[in-house]
Amino acid sequence: MDLFRFDPPALTLDEVAGIARERYGITGAAKRLRGERSHNTLFTTGEGSQYVLKIASAGELPTTIEFHARALVHLEQRSPELPIARMVVALDGELVPRLDRNGRQHSIRLVTYLPGVTFEDDQPISDPGLRAIGSLLGALSAALADFDHPAGDEFMPWDIANGLILDDELWSGAGDDARELLVRARTRLVEATEAMATLPRQIIHNDGHAGNLLRSDPTSDTVTGVIDFGDLVRTVTVADLGVSGANLVPHQADPIAAMAALAAGFHIHRPLSPPEVEALPGLVLSRLALSTLLVDYQIAHAPHIADAVAAERPGLLAGLERWLSIDPREALDRIKEAL
């Protein structure tokens, strides 16, 4: 099983600066940013404008990169008030130009840079803060409701509805501590998978975790933007709540109240149907289970990021155990009250 490609091109800052200048007319101070599947560089021009140049792995399909770019264009046109990055076209008018390097083709994108700092994984967030995050994710979902692209149906490992949460091979590779928790969750995961098969679907952001949510400064819990559209996929619409809930909710003082606040915010812009509400506890559990399985897979098969992933593992397992201890019926009752 080969689920991941983590092979961004190896480029010097001088090479990247030349690409930015020749393709976009952008010059300025350059700073390398972290990227799992693309080489990302922040440029700050003399006038103070900031952009991120993203050079994709040659292993990434051009249609996939175009999919991500077209989604940003759609969102800018559909809901210009959304705090997201904007696509910048190349000097030749191309939205996603191609770079030939050593006989390999790489897709290029230039996007505006969103200022701010990301949330922390274990950060306490107030109910108003969680409601604001849910509201932003709901508005994003509503704006993507009429967006379509053929690449939306490509396989995405981080899609909770793709069947991986019940994959025997992945389960066999999980650590003993993880497998013990997963076995406890098995019945509920089967039920969640069955429920997801009946829920509405569309293309969604699918990555609203703490590291992709921005705030103005480290003292704030008010969301100011959302980044990283690399996990876009057509899947269960309310999976966006499962993703964000799994990351933000289990470590809060009152996880049920936190999930209710997140759902209530989402419901403002993208109303939840009764079956979607019923599915929410299972969606959070599904994301926690999928993350547990894929983290252990990454540790075993992606050595260049294994240390960073391993550092996140204890918090993830604690979140899974905490959510397993919560009565899903009680969670549902309080979510319904909040809606």
C-alpha atoms as a PDB file:
ATOM      1  CA  MET A   1       0.000   0.000   0.000  1.00  0.00           C
ATOM      2  CA  ASP A   2       1.497   3.360  -1.045  1.00  0.00           C
ATOM      3  CA  LEU A   3      -0.667   6.159   0.312  1.00  0.00           C
ATOM      4  CA  PHE A   4       1.656   9.132   0.394  1.00  0.00           C
ATOM      5  CA  ARG A   5       4.065  11.011  -1.837  1.00  0.00           C
ATOM      6  CA  PHE A   6       6.393  13.287   0.113  1.00  0.00           C
ATOM      7  CA  ASP A   7       8.919  14.307  -2.507  1.00  0.00           C
ATOM      8  CA  PRO A   8       8.935  18.083  -3.041  1.00  0.00           C
ATOM      9  CA  PRO A   9      11.619  19.236  -5.502  1.00  0.00           C
ATOM     10  CA  ALA A  10      15.004  20.162  -4.065  1.00  0.00           C
ATOM     11  CA  LEU A  11      15.644  23.769  -5.104  1.00  0.00           C
ATOM     12  CA  THR A  12      17.968  26.493  -3.886  1.00  0.00           C
ATOM     13  CA  LEU A  13      16.614  29.899  -2.927  1.00  0.00           C
ATOM     14  CA  ASP A  14      18.420  31.374  -5.933  1.00  0.00           C
ATOM     15  CA  GLU A  15      16.639  28.940  -8.260  1.00  0.00           C
ATOM     16  CA  VAL A  16      13.277  29.730  -6.703  1.00  0.00           C
ATOM     17  CA  ALA A  17      13.947  33.463  -6.884  1.00  0.00           C
ATOM     18  CA  GLY A  18      14.674  33.109 -10.592  1.00  0.00           C
ATOM     19  CA  ILE A  19      11.397  31.262 -11.168  1.00  0.00           C
ATOM     20  CA  ALA A  20       9.424  33.917  -9.261  1.00  0.00           C
ATOM     21  CA  ARG A  21      11.079  36.711 -11.242  1.00  0.00           C
ATOM     22  CA  GLU A  22      10.770  35.118 -14.668  1.00  0.00           C
ATOM     23  CA  ARG A  23       7.265  33.670 -14.310  1.00  0.00           C
ATOM     24  CA  TYR A  24       5.584  36.323 -12.140  1.00  0.00           C
ATOM     25  CA  GLY A  25       7.780  39.416 -12.084  1.00  0.00           C
ATOM     26  CA  ILE A  26       8.097  39.008  -8.310  1.00  0.00           C
ATOM     27  CA  THR A  27      11.298  39.980  -6.506  1.00  0.00           C
ATOM     28  CA  GLY A  28      12.111  40.400  -2.836  1.00  0.00           C
ATOM     29  CA  ALA A  29      13.294  38.615   0.279  1.00  0.00           C
ATOM     30  CA  ALA A  30      12.734  34.860   0.100  1.00  0.00           C
ATOM     31  CA  LYS A  31      12.140  32.448   2.970  1.00  0.00           C
ATOM     32  CA  ARG A  32      11.607  28.700   2.708  1.00  0.00           C
ATOM     33  CA  LEU A  33       8.373  27.416   4.264  1.00  0.00           C
ATOM     34  CA  ARG A  34       7.491  23.882   5.324  1.00  0.00           C
ATOM     35  CA  GLY A  35       5.736  21.743   2.723  1.00  0.00           C
ATOM     36  CA  GLU A  36       5.010  18.022   2.620  1.00  0.00           C
ATOM     37  CA  ARG A  37       4.274  17.672  -1.096  1.00  0.00           C
ATOM     38  CA  SER A  38       5.513  20.971  -2.553  1.00  0.00           C
ATOM     39  CA  HIS A  39       8.470  23.339  -2.258  1.00  0.00           C
ATOM     40  CA  ASN A  40       7.024  26.487  -0.679  1.00  0.00           C
ATOM     41  CA  THR A  41       8.738  29.870  -0.513  1.00  0.00           C
ATOM     42  CA  LEU A  42       7.514  33.129   1.015  1.00  0.00           C
ATOM     43  CA  PHE A  43       8.437  36.279  -0.922  1.00  0.00           C
ATOM     44  CA  THR A  44       8.230  39.740   0.618  1.00  0.00           C
ATOM     45  CA  THR A  45       8.540  42.504  -1.974  1.00  0.00           C
ATOM     46  CA  GLY A  46      10.094  45.901  -1.418  1.00  0.00           C
ATOM     47  CA  GLU A  47       6.592  47.363  -1.194  1.00  0.00           C
ATOM     48  CA  GLY A  48       5.688  44.916   1.589  1.00  0.00           C
ATOM     49  CA  SER A  49       3.424  42.619  -0.455  1.00  0.00           C
ATOM     50  CA  GLN A  50       3.775  38.934   0.393  1.00  0.00           C
ATOM     51  CA  TYR A  51       3.279  35.863  -1.786  1.00  0.00           C
ATOM     52  CA  VAL A  52       3.912  32.138  -1.515  1.00  0.00           C
ATOM     53  CA  LEU A  53       5.393  30.314  -4.497  1.00  0.00           C
ATOM     54  CA  LYS A  54       4.440  26.634  -4.472  1.00  0.00           C
ATOM     55  CA  ILE A  55       6.348  24.235  -6.724  1.00  0.00           C
ATOM     56  CA  ALA A  56       4.719  20.813  -6.687  1.00  0.00           C
ATOM     57  CA  SER A  57       6.369  17.431  -6.755  1.00  0.00           C
ATOM     58  CA  ALA A  58       6.745  15.958 -10.222  1.00  0.00           C
ATOM     59  CA  GLY A  59       4.683  13.064  -8.897  1.00  0.00           C
ATOM     60  CA  GLU A  60       1.619  15.269  -8.417  1.00  0.00           C
ATOM     61  CA  LEU A  61      -0.847  15.064 -11.285  1.00  0.00           C
ATOM     62  CA  PRO A  62      -1.297  18.400 -13.103  1.00  0.00           C
ATOM     63  CA  THR A  63      -5.054  17.920 -12.848  1.00  0.00           C
ATOM     64  CA  THR A  64      -4.792  17.747  -9.057  1.00  0.00           C
ATOM     65  CA  ILE A  65      -2.873  21.023  -8.802  1.00  0.00           C
ATOM     66  CA  GLU A  66      -5.285  22.685 -11.227  1.00  0.00           C
ATOM     67  CA  PHE A  67      -8.151  21.422  -9.057  1.00  0.00           C
ATOM     68  CA  HIS A  68      -6.724  23.177  -6.016  1.00  0.00           C
ATOM     69  CA  ALA A  69      -6.092  26.369  -7.989  1.00  0.00           C
ATOM     70  CA  ARG A  70      -9.550  26.443  -9.577  1.00  0.00           C
ATOM     71  CA  ALA A  71     -11.141  25.995  -6.158  1.00  0.00           C
ATOM     72  CA  LEU A  72      -9.428  29.156  -4.891  1.00  0.00           C
ATOM     73  CA  VAL A  73     -10.546  31.072  -7.976  1.00  0.00           C
ATOM     74  CA  HIS A  74     -14.099  29.830  -7.495  1.00  0.00           C
ATOM     75  CA  LEU A  75     -14.117  30.863  -3.845  1.00  0.00           C
ATOM     76  CA  GLU A  76     -12.781  34.319  -4.631  1.00  0.00           C
ATOM     77  CA  GLN A  77     -15.548  34.828  -7.189  1.00  0.00           C
ATOM     78  CA  ARG A  78     -18.304  33.153  -5.185  1.00  0.00           C
ATOM     79  CA  SER A  79     -17.537  34.578  -1.726  1.00  0.00           C
ATOM     80  CA  PRO A  80     -14.861  37.290  -1.915  1.00  0.00           C
ATOM     81  CA  GLU A  81     -15.265  38.034   1.790  1.00  0.00           C
ATOM     82  CA  LEU A  82     -13.767  34.672   2.796  1.00  0.00           C
ATOM     83  CA  PRO A  83     -10.323  35.067   4.441  1.00  0.00           C
ATOM     84  CA  ILE A  84      -8.357  32.762   2.156  1.00  0.00           C
ATOM     85  CA  ALA A  85      -5.347  33.078  -0.134  1.00  0.00           C
ATOM     86  CA  ARG A  86      -5.867  34.370  -3.682  1.00  0.00           C
ATOM     87  CA  MET A  87      -4.415  32.863  -6.828  1.00  0.00           C
ATOM     88  CA  VAL A  88      -2.029  35.041  -8.856  1.00  0.00           C
ATOM     89  CA  VAL A  89      -1.717  34.342 -12.594  1.00  0.00           C
ATOM     90  CA  ALA A  90       1.696  34.174 -14.264  1.00  0.00           C
ATOM     91  CA  LEU A  91       2.974  36.870 -16.622  1.00  0.00           C
ATOM     92  CA  ASP A  92       1.890  34.731 -19.582  1.00  0.00           C
ATOM     93  CA  GLY A  93      -1.651  34.437 -18.207  1.00  0.00           C
ATOM     94  CA  GLU A  94      -1.309  30.829 -17.023  1.00  0.00           C
ATOM     95  CA  LEU A  95      -3.023  29.957 -13.760  1.00  0.00           C
ATOM     96  CA  VAL A  96      -0.825  26.888 -13.175  1.00  0.00           C
ATOM     97  CA  PRO A  97       2.327  27.133 -15.306  1.00  0.00           C
ATOM     98  CA  ARG A  98       4.645  24.155 -15.674  1.00  0.00           C
ATOM     99  CA  LEU A  99       8.343  23.965 -14.883  1.00  0.00           C
ATOM    100  CA  ASP A 100      10.663  21.539 -16.693  1.00  0.00           C
ATOM    101  CA  ARG A 101      13.523  20.627 -14.383  1.00  0.00           C
ATOM    102  CA  ASN A 102      15.936  17.828 -15.204  1.00  0.00           C
ATOM    103  CA  GLY A 103      13.367  16.302 -17.526  1.00  0.00           C
ATOM    104  CA  ARG A 104      10.612  16.298 -14.920  1.00  0.00           C
ATOM    105  CA  GLN A 105       7.518  18.487 -14.996  1.00  0.00           C
ATOM    106  CA  HIS A 106       6.430  20.461 -11.935  1.00  0.00           C
ATOM    107  CA  SER A 107       3.253  22.509 -11.544  1.00  0.00           C
ATOM    108  CA  ILE A 108       3.676  26.014 -10.132  1.00  0.00           C
ATOM    109  CA  ARG A 109       1.282  28.244  -8.216  1.00  0.00           C
ATOM    110  CA  LEU A 110       1.633  31.702  -6.730  1.00  0.00           C
ATOM    111  CA  VAL A 111      -0.814  32.698  -3.988  1.00  0.00           C
ATOM    112  CA  THR A 112      -1.136  35.702  -1.732  1.00  0.00           C
ATOM    113  CA  TYR A 113       0.130  35.241   1.807  1.00  0.00           C
ATOM    114  CA  LEU A 114      -2.307  35.393   4.721  1.00  0.00           C
ATOM    115  CA  PRO A 115      -0.838  37.059   7.841  1.00  0.00           C
ATOM    116  CA  GLY A 116      -1.407  35.613  11.287  1.00  0.00           C
ATOM    117  CA  VAL A 117      -0.355  32.703  13.474  1.00  0.00           C
ATOM    118  CA  THR A 118      -1.880  29.255  13.577  1.00  0.00           C
ATOM    119  CA  PHE A 119      -3.744  27.740  16.519  1.00  0.00           C
ATOM    120  CA  GLU A 120      -1.997  25.181  18.742  1.00  0.00           C
ATOM    121  CA  ASP A 121      -3.168  21.568  18.761  1.00  0.00           C
ATOM    122  CA  ASP A 122      -3.799  21.505  22.514  1.00  0.00           C
ATOM    123  CA  GLN A 123      -4.941  25.112  22.853  1.00  0.00           C
ATOM    124  CA  PRO A 124      -8.008  25.887  25.000  1.00  0.00           C
ATOM    125  CA  ILE A 125     -10.551  27.665  22.797  1.00  0.00           C
ATOM    126  CA  SER A 126     -13.630  29.442  24.100  1.00  0.00           C
ATOM    127  CA  ASP A 127     -17.070  28.443  22.887  1.00  0.00           C
ATOM    128  CA  PRO A 128     -17.376  31.751  20.958  1.00  0.00           C
ATOM    129  CA  GLY A 129     -13.997  31.003  19.389  1.00  0.00           C
ATOM    130  CA  LEU A 130     -15.119  27.522  18.353  1.00  0.00           C
ATOM    131  CA  ARG A 131     -18.403  28.887  17.048  1.00  0.00           C
ATOM    132  CA  ALA A 132     -16.445  31.357  14.888  1.00  0.00           C
ATOM    133  CA  ILE A 133     -14.297  28.531  13.517  1.00  0.00           C
ATOM    134  CA  GLY A 134     -17.405  26.512  12.719  1.00  0.00           C
ATOM    135  CA  SER A 135     -18.958  29.546  11.040  1.00  0.00           C
ATOM    136  CA  LEU A 136     -15.921  30.007   8.796  1.00  0.00           C
ATOM    137  CA  LEU A 137     -15.884  26.321   7.843  1.00  0.00           C
ATOM    138  CA  GLY A 138     -19.627  26.422   7.166  1.00  0.00           C
ATOM    139  CA  ALA A 139     -19.250  29.493   4.952  1.00  0.00           C
ATOM    140  CA  LEU A 140     -16.428  27.754   3.083  1.00  0.00           C
ATOM    141  CA  SER A 141     -18.582  24.659   2.605  1.00  0.00           C
ATOM    142  CA  ALA A 142     -21.507  26.745   1.345  1.00  0.00           C
ATOM    143  CA  ALA A 143     -19.263  28.545  -1.147  1.00  0.00           C
ATOM    144  CA  LEU A 144     -17.879  25.242  -2.469  1.00  0.00           C
ATOM    145  CA  ALA A 145     -21.344  23.681  -2.851  1.00  0.00           C
ATOM    146  CA  ASP A 146     -21.569  24.593  -6.550  1.00  0.00           C
ATOM    147  CA  PHE A 147     -17.898  23.944  -7.370  1.00  0.00           C
ATOM    148  CA  ASP A 148     -17.008  20.887  -9.412  1.00  0.00           C
ATOM    149  CA  HIS A 149     -13.839  19.432 -10.894  1.00  0.00           C
ATOM    150  CA  PRO A 150     -12.999  15.922 -12.163  1.00  0.00           C
ATOM    151  CA  ALA A 151     -10.013  15.668  -9.817  1.00  0.00           C
ATOM    152  CA  GLY A 152     -12.342  15.947  -6.849  1.00  0.00           C
ATOM    153  CA  ASP A 153     -12.917  12.200  -7.146  1.00  0.00           C
ATOM    154  CA  GLU A 154      -9.236  11.255  -6.929  1.00  0.00           C
ATOM    155  CA  PHE A 155      -8.189   9.138  -3.955  1.00  0.00           C
ATOM    156  CA  MET A 156      -7.403  11.222  -0.865  1.00  0.00           C
ATOM    157  CA  PRO A 157      -5.943   9.311   2.116  1.00  0.00           C
ATOM    158  CA  TRP A 158      -7.319  11.835   4.620  1.00  0.00           C
ATOM    159  CA  ASP A 159     -10.938  11.386   3.475  1.00  0.00           C
ATOM    160  CA  ILE A 160     -12.801   9.731   6.362  1.00  0.00           C
ATOM    161  CA  ALA A 161     -15.297   8.174   3.935  1.00  0.00           C
ATOM    162  CA  ASN A 162     -12.741   6.371   1.752  1.00  0.00           C
ATOM    163  CA  GLY A 163     -12.863   3.089   3.705  1.00  0.00           C
ATOM    164  CA  LEU A 164      -9.378   3.228   5.213  1.00  0.00           C
ATOM    165  CA  ILE A 165     -10.679   3.361   8.783  1.00  0.00           C
ATOM    166  CA  LEU A 166     -11.633  -0.321   8.406  1.00  0.00           C
ATOM    167  CA  ASP A 167      -8.649  -1.410   6.286  1.00  0.00           C
ATOM    168  CA  ASP A 168      -7.070  -4.589   7.654  1.00  0.00           C
ATOM    169  CA  GLU A 169      -3.593  -3.772   6.347  1.00  0.00           C
ATOM    170  CA  LEU A 170      -3.548  -0.379   8.039  1.00  0.00           C
ATOM    171  CA  TRP A 171      -4.855  -1.889  11.273  1.00  0.00           C
ATOM    172  CA  SER A 172      -2.087  -4.501  11.232  1.00  0.00           C
ATOM    173  CA  GLY A 173       0.525  -1.725  11.078  1.00  0.00           C
ATOM    174  CA  ALA A 174      -0.837   0.201  14.047  1.00  0.00           C
ATOM    175  CA  GLY A 175       0.997   0.117  17.359  1.00  0.00           C
ATOM    176  CA  ASP A 176      -0.394  -2.035  20.151  1.00  0.00           C
ATOM    177  CA  ASP A 177      -1.611   0.992  22.126  1.00  0.00           C
ATOM    178  CA  ALA A 178      -3.357   2.412  19.062  1.00  0.00           C
ATOM    179  CA  ARG A 179      -4.887  -0.929  18.093  1.00  0.00           C
ATOM    180  CA  GLU A 180      -6.338  -1.358  21.590  1.00  0.00           C
ATOM    181  CA  LEU A 181      -8.230   1.927  21.219  1.00  0.00           C
ATOM    182  CA  LEU A 182      -9.261   1.145  17.652  1.00  0.00           C
ATOM    183  CA  VAL A 183     -10.717  -2.213  18.681  1.00  0.00           C
ATOM    184  CA  ARG A 184     -12.855  -0.400  21.260  1.00  0.00           C
ATOM    185  CA  ALA A 185     -14.028   1.940  18.510  1.00  0.00           C
ATOM    186  CA  ARG A 186     -14.644  -0.733  15.866  1.00  0.00           C
ATOM    187  CA  THR A 187     -18.417  -1.106  16.197  1.00  0.00           C
ATOM    188  CA  ARG A 188     -18.956   2.649  16.152  1.00  0.00           C
ATOM    189  CA  LEU A 189     -16.618   3.007  13.152  1.00  0.00           C
ATOM    190  CA  VAL A 190     -18.661   0.465  11.203  1.00  0.00           C
ATOM    191  CA  GLU A 191     -21.839   2.359  12.076  1.00  0.00           C
ATOM    192  CA  ALA A 192     -20.252   5.668  11.066  1.00  0.00           C
ATOM    193  CA  THR A 193     -19.128   4.209   7.732  1.00  0.00           C
ATOM    194  CA  GLU A 194     -22.647   2.980   7.027  1.00  0.00           C
ATOM    195  CA  ALA A 195     -24.091   6.388   7.926  1.00  0.00           C
ATOM    196  CA  MET A 196     -21.623   8.240   5.701  1.00  0.00           C
ATOM    197  CA  ALA A 197     -22.769   6.238   2.702  1.00  0.00           C
ATOM    198  CA  THR A 198     -26.166   7.953   2.942  1.00  0.00           C
ATOM    199  CA  LEU A 199     -25.096  11.568   3.601  1.00  0.00           C
ATOM    200  CA  PRO A 200     -24.885  14.462   1.094  1.00  0.00           C
ATOM    201  CA  ARG A 201     -21.547  14.949  -0.633  1.00  0.00           C
ATOM    202  CA  GLN A 202     -19.668  17.769  -2.292  1.00  0.00           C
ATOM    203  CA  ILE A 203     -16.116  19.050  -2.626  1.00  0.00           C
ATOM    204  CA  ILE A 204     -14.908  20.221   0.785  1.00  0.00           C
ATOM    205  CA  HIS A 205     -11.785  21.776   2.325  1.00  0.00           C
ATOM    206  CA  ASN A 206     -11.220  18.659   4.468  1.00  0.00           C
ATOM    207  CA  ASP A 207      -8.355  20.095   6.519  1.00  0.00           C
ATOM    208  CA  GLY A 208      -9.664  22.530   9.133  1.00  0.00           C
ATOM    209  CA  HIS A 209      -7.286  21.571  11.924  1.00  0.00           C
ATOM    210  CA  ALA A 210      -5.408  23.922  14.237  1.00  0.00           C
ATOM    211  CA  GLY A 211      -2.372  24.209  11.961  1.00  0.00           C
ATOM    212  CA  ASN A 212      -4.493  25.489   9.074  1.00  0.00           C
ATOM    213  CA  LEU A 213      -6.540  28.015  11.048  1.00  0.00           C
ATOM    214  CA  LEU A 214      -5.139  31.502  11.553  1.00  0.00           C
ATOM    215  CA  ARG A 215      -5.595  34.058  14.338  1.00  0.00           C
ATOM    216  CA  SER A 216      -4.158  37.528  14.703  1.00  0.00           C
ATOM    217  CA  ASP A 217      -1.721  36.725  17.532  1.00  0.00           C
ATOM    218  CA  PRO A 218      -0.928  33.998  20.105  1.00  0.00           C
ATOM    219  CA  THR A 219      -3.243  35.541  22.717  1.00  0.00           C
ATOM    220  CA  SER A 220      -6.352  35.311  20.538  1.00  0.00           C
ATOM    221  CA  ASP A 221      -8.729  32.421  19.848  1.00  0.00           C
ATOM    222  CA  THR A 222     -10.682  34.283  17.167  1.00  0.00           C
ATOM    223  CA  VAL A 223     -10.132  32.779  13.720  1.00  0.00           C
ATOM    224  CA  THR A 224      -8.993  35.189  10.990  1.00  0.00           C
ATOM    225  CA  GLY A 225      -8.305  32.868   8.078  1.00  0.00           C
ATOM    226  CA  VAL A 226      -7.966  29.347   6.745  1.00  0.00           C
ATOM    227  CA  ILE A 227      -5.096  27.988   4.645  1.00  0.00           C
ATOM    228  CA  ASP A 228      -3.950  24.834   2.834  1.00  0.00           C
ATOM    229  CA  PHE A 229      -6.351  23.513   0.218  1.00  0.00           C
ATOM    230  CA  GLY A 230      -4.209  20.476  -0.570  1.00  0.00           C
ATOM    231  CA  ASP A 231      -6.671  17.955   0.897  1.00  0.00           C
ATOM    232  CA  LEU A 232      -9.684  19.048  -1.155  1.00  0.00           C
ATOM    233  CA  VAL A 233     -11.896  16.104  -2.049  1.00  0.00           C
ATOM    234  CA  ARG A 234     -15.474  15.238  -2.901  1.00  0.00           C
ATOM    235  CA  THR A 235     -16.792  13.496   0.175  1.00  0.00           C
ATOM    236  CA  VAL A 236     -19.389  13.735   2.931  1.00  0.00           C
ATOM    237  CA  THR A 237     -20.088  17.451   3.327  1.00  0.00           C
ATOM    238  CA  VAL A 238     -20.128  17.460   7.129  1.00  0.00           C
ATOM    239  CA  ALA A 239     -16.766  15.676   7.212  1.00  0.00           C
ATOM    240  CA  ASP A 240     -15.385  19.211   7.598  1.00  0.00           C
ATOM    241  CA  LEU A 241     -16.906  19.207  11.090  1.00  0.00           C
ATOM    242  CA  GLY A 242     -15.467  15.762  11.783  1.00  0.00           C
ATOM    243  CA  VAL A 243     -11.975  16.920  10.798  1.00  0.00           C
ATOM    244  CA  SER A 244     -12.050  20.106  12.842  1.00  0.00           C
ATOM    245  CA  GLY A 245     -13.863  18.500  15.757  1.00  0.00           C
ATOM    246  CA  ALA A 246     -11.367  15.647  16.022  1.00  0.00           C
ATOM    247  CA  ASN A 247      -8.460  18.073  16.245  1.00  0.00           C
ATOM    248  CA  LEU A 248      -9.932  20.866  18.354  1.00  0.00           C
ATOM    249  CA  VAL A 249     -12.562  19.301  20.628  1.00  0.00           C
ATOM    250  CA  PRO A 250     -11.286  16.288  22.656  1.00  0.00           C
ATOM    251  CA  HIS A 251      -8.813  18.272  24.771  1.00  0.00           C
ATOM    252  CA  GLN A 252     -11.245  21.060  25.675  1.00  0.00           C
ATOM    253  CA  ALA A 253     -12.531  21.206  29.264  1.00  0.00           C
ATOM    254  CA  ASP A 254     -16.018  20.249  28.058  1.00  0.00           C
ATOM    255  CA  PRO A 255     -15.616  18.413  24.734  1.00  0.00           C
ATOM    256  CA  ILE A 256     -19.358  18.081  24.155  1.00  0.00           C
ATOM    257  CA  ALA A 257     -19.965  21.815  24.622  1.00  0.00           C
ATOM    258  CA  ALA A 258     -17.005  22.491  22.340  1.00  0.00           C
ATOM    259  CA  MET A 259     -18.399  20.254  19.600  1.00  0.00           C
ATOM    260  CA  ALA A 260     -21.832  21.822  19.993  1.00  0.00           C
ATOM    261  CA  ALA A 261     -20.346  25.308  19.562  1.00  0.00           C
ATOM    262  CA  LEU A 262     -18.407  24.224  16.466  1.00  0.00           C
ATOM    263  CA  ALA A 263     -21.519  22.645  14.927  1.00  0.00           C
ATOM    264  CA  ALA A 264     -23.698  25.655  15.773  1.00  0.00           C
ATOM    265  CA  GLY A 265     -21.293  27.948  13.934  1.00  0.00           C
ATOM    266  CA  PHE A 266     -21.214  25.675  10.897  1.00  0.00           C
ATOM    267  CA  HIS A 267     -25.017  25.480  10.900  1.00  0.00           C
ATOM    268  CA  ILE A 268     -25.298  29.262  10.389  1.00  0.00           C
ATOM    269  CA  HIS A 269     -24.014  29.109   6.809  1.00  0.00           C
ATOM    270  CA  ARG A 270     -24.537  25.473   5.902  1.00  0.00           C
ATOM    271  CA  PRO A 271     -27.614  24.122   7.756  1.00  0.00           C
ATOM    272  CA  LEU A 272     -27.243  20.577   9.059  1.00  0.00           C
ATOM    273  CA  SER A 273     -29.947  18.032   8.297  1.00  0.00           C
ATOM    274  CA  PRO A 274     -31.128  15.634  11.056  1.00  0.00           C
ATOM    275  CA  PRO A 275     -29.150  12.672   9.603  1.00  0.00           C
ATOM    276  CA  GLU A 276     -26.007  14.830   9.427  1.00  0.00           C
ATOM    277  CA  VAL A 277     -26.419  15.865  13.053  1.00  0.00           C
ATOM    278  CA  GLU A 278     -26.922  12.231  14.092  1.00  0.00           C
ATOM    279  CA  ALA A 279     -23.685  11.307  12.326  1.00  0.00           C
ATOM    280  CA  LEU A 280     -21.474  13.959  13.964  1.00  0.00           C
ATOM    281  CA  PRO A 281     -20.127  11.961  16.956  1.00  0.00           C
ATOM    282  CA  GLY A 282     -19.215   9.134  14.589  1.00  0.00           C
ATOM    283  CA  LEU A 283     -17.526  11.504  12.132  1.00  0.00           C
ATOM    284  CA  VAL A 284     -15.288  12.888  14.864  1.00  0.00           C
ATOM    285  CA  LEU A 285     -14.423   9.339  15.929  1.00  0.00           C
ATOM    286  CA  SER A 286     -13.750   8.368  12.303  1.00  0.00           C
ATOM    287  CA  ARG A 287     -11.284  11.207  11.834  1.00  0.00           C
ATOM    288  CA  LEU A 288      -9.510  10.375  15.088  1.00  0.00           C
ATOM    289  CA  ALA A 289      -9.268   6.720  14.030  1.00  0.00           C
ATOM    290  CA  LEU A 290      -8.071   7.559  10.518  1.00  0.00           C
ATOM    291  CA  SER A 291      -5.457   9.962  11.884  1.00  0.00           C
ATOM    292  CA  THR A 292      -4.244   7.283  14.306  1.00  0.00           C
ATOM    293  CA  LEU A 293      -3.874   4.739  11.509  1.00  0.00           C
ATOM    294  CA  LEU A 294      -2.175   7.122   9.106  1.00  0.00           C
ATOM    295  CA  VAL A 295       0.215   8.539  11.699  1.00  0.00           C
ATOM    296  CA  ASP A 296       1.513   5.042  12.458  1.00  0.00           C
ATOM    297  CA  TYR A 297       1.741   4.416   8.710  1.00  0.00           C
ATOM    298  CA  GLN A 298       3.763   7.617   8.245  1.00  0.00           C
ATOM    299  CA  ILE A 299       6.131   6.749  11.079  1.00  0.00           C
ATOM    300  CA  ALA A 300       6.839   3.399   9.404  1.00  0.00           C
ATOM    301  CA  HIS A 301       6.971   4.550   5.773  1.00  0.00           C
ATOM    302  CA  ALA A 302       7.965   8.238   5.677  1.00  0.00           C
ATOM    303  CA  PRO A 303      11.252   8.472   7.613  1.00  0.00           C
ATOM    304  CA  HIS A 304      11.934  12.113   6.704  1.00  0.00           C
ATOM    305  CA  ILE A 305       8.839  13.247   8.661  1.00  0.00           C
ATOM    306  CA  ALA A 306       8.657  10.365  11.144  1.00  0.00           C
ATOM    307  CA  ASP A 307      10.100  12.309  14.080  1.00  0.00           C
ATOM    308  CA  ALA A 308       7.677  15.220  13.668  1.00  0.00           C
ATOM    309  CA  VAL A 309       4.719  12.867  13.295  1.00  0.00           C
ATOM    310  CA  ALA A 310       5.792  10.758  16.268  1.00  0.00           C
ATOM    311  CA  ALA A 311       5.784  13.868  18.459  1.00  0.00           C
ATOM    312  CA  GLU A 312       2.091  14.392  17.638  1.00  0.00           C
ATOM    313  CA  ARG A 313       1.118  10.787  18.325  1.00  0.00           C
ATOM    314  CA  PRO A 314       0.600  10.911  22.135  1.00  0.00           C
ATOM    315  CA  GLY A 315      -1.814  13.831  21.851  1.00  0.00           C
ATOM    316  CA  LEU A 316      -3.708  12.090  19.091  1.00  0.00           C
ATOM    317  CA  LEU A 317      -4.114   8.874  21.092  1.00  0.00           C
ATOM    318  CA  ALA A 318      -5.210  10.885  24.134  1.00  0.00           C
ATOM    319  CA  GLY A 319      -7.826  12.598  21.973  1.00  0.00           C
ATOM    320  CA  LEU A 320      -9.109   9.290  20.655  1.00  0.00           C
ATOM    321  CA  GLU A 321      -9.350   7.849  24.162  1.00  0.00           C
ATOM    322  CA  ARG A 322     -11.113  10.967  25.468  1.00  0.00           C
ATOM    323  CA  TRP A 323     -13.709  10.920  22.682  1.00  0.00           C
ATOM    324  CA  LEU A 324     -14.302   7.199  23.174  1.00  0.00           C
ATOM    325  CA  SER A 325     -15.174   7.907  26.812  1.00  0.00           C
ATOM    326  CA  ILE A 326     -17.955  10.323  25.815  1.00  0.00           C
ATOM    327  CA  ASP A 327     -21.541   9.083  25.525  1.00  0.00           C
ATOM    328  CA  PRO A 328     -22.537   9.769  21.888  1.00  0.00           C
ATOM    329  CA  ARG A 329     -26.216  10.121  22.841  1.00  0.00           C
ATOM    330  CA  GLU A 330     -25.408  12.820  25.374  1.00  0.00           C
ATOM    331  CA  ALA A 331     -23.249  14.544  22.782  1.00  0.00           C
ATOM    332  CA  LEU A 332     -26.110  14.439  20.281  1.00  0.00           C
ATOM    333  CA  ASP A 333     -28.619  15.868  22.742  1.00  0.00           C
ATOM    334  CA  ARG A 334     -26.415  18.837  23.526  1.00  0.00           C
ATOM    335  CA  ILE A 335     -25.504  19.452  19.889  1.00  0.00           C
ATOM    336  CA  LYS A 336     -29.208  19.491  19.035  1.00  0.00           C
ATOM    337  CA  GLU A 337     -29.842  21.990  21.847  1.00  0.00           C
ATOM    338  CA  ALA A 338     -27.103  24.247  20.470  1.00  0.00           C
ATOM    339  CA  LEU A 339     -28.629  24.152  16.990  1.00  0.00           C
END
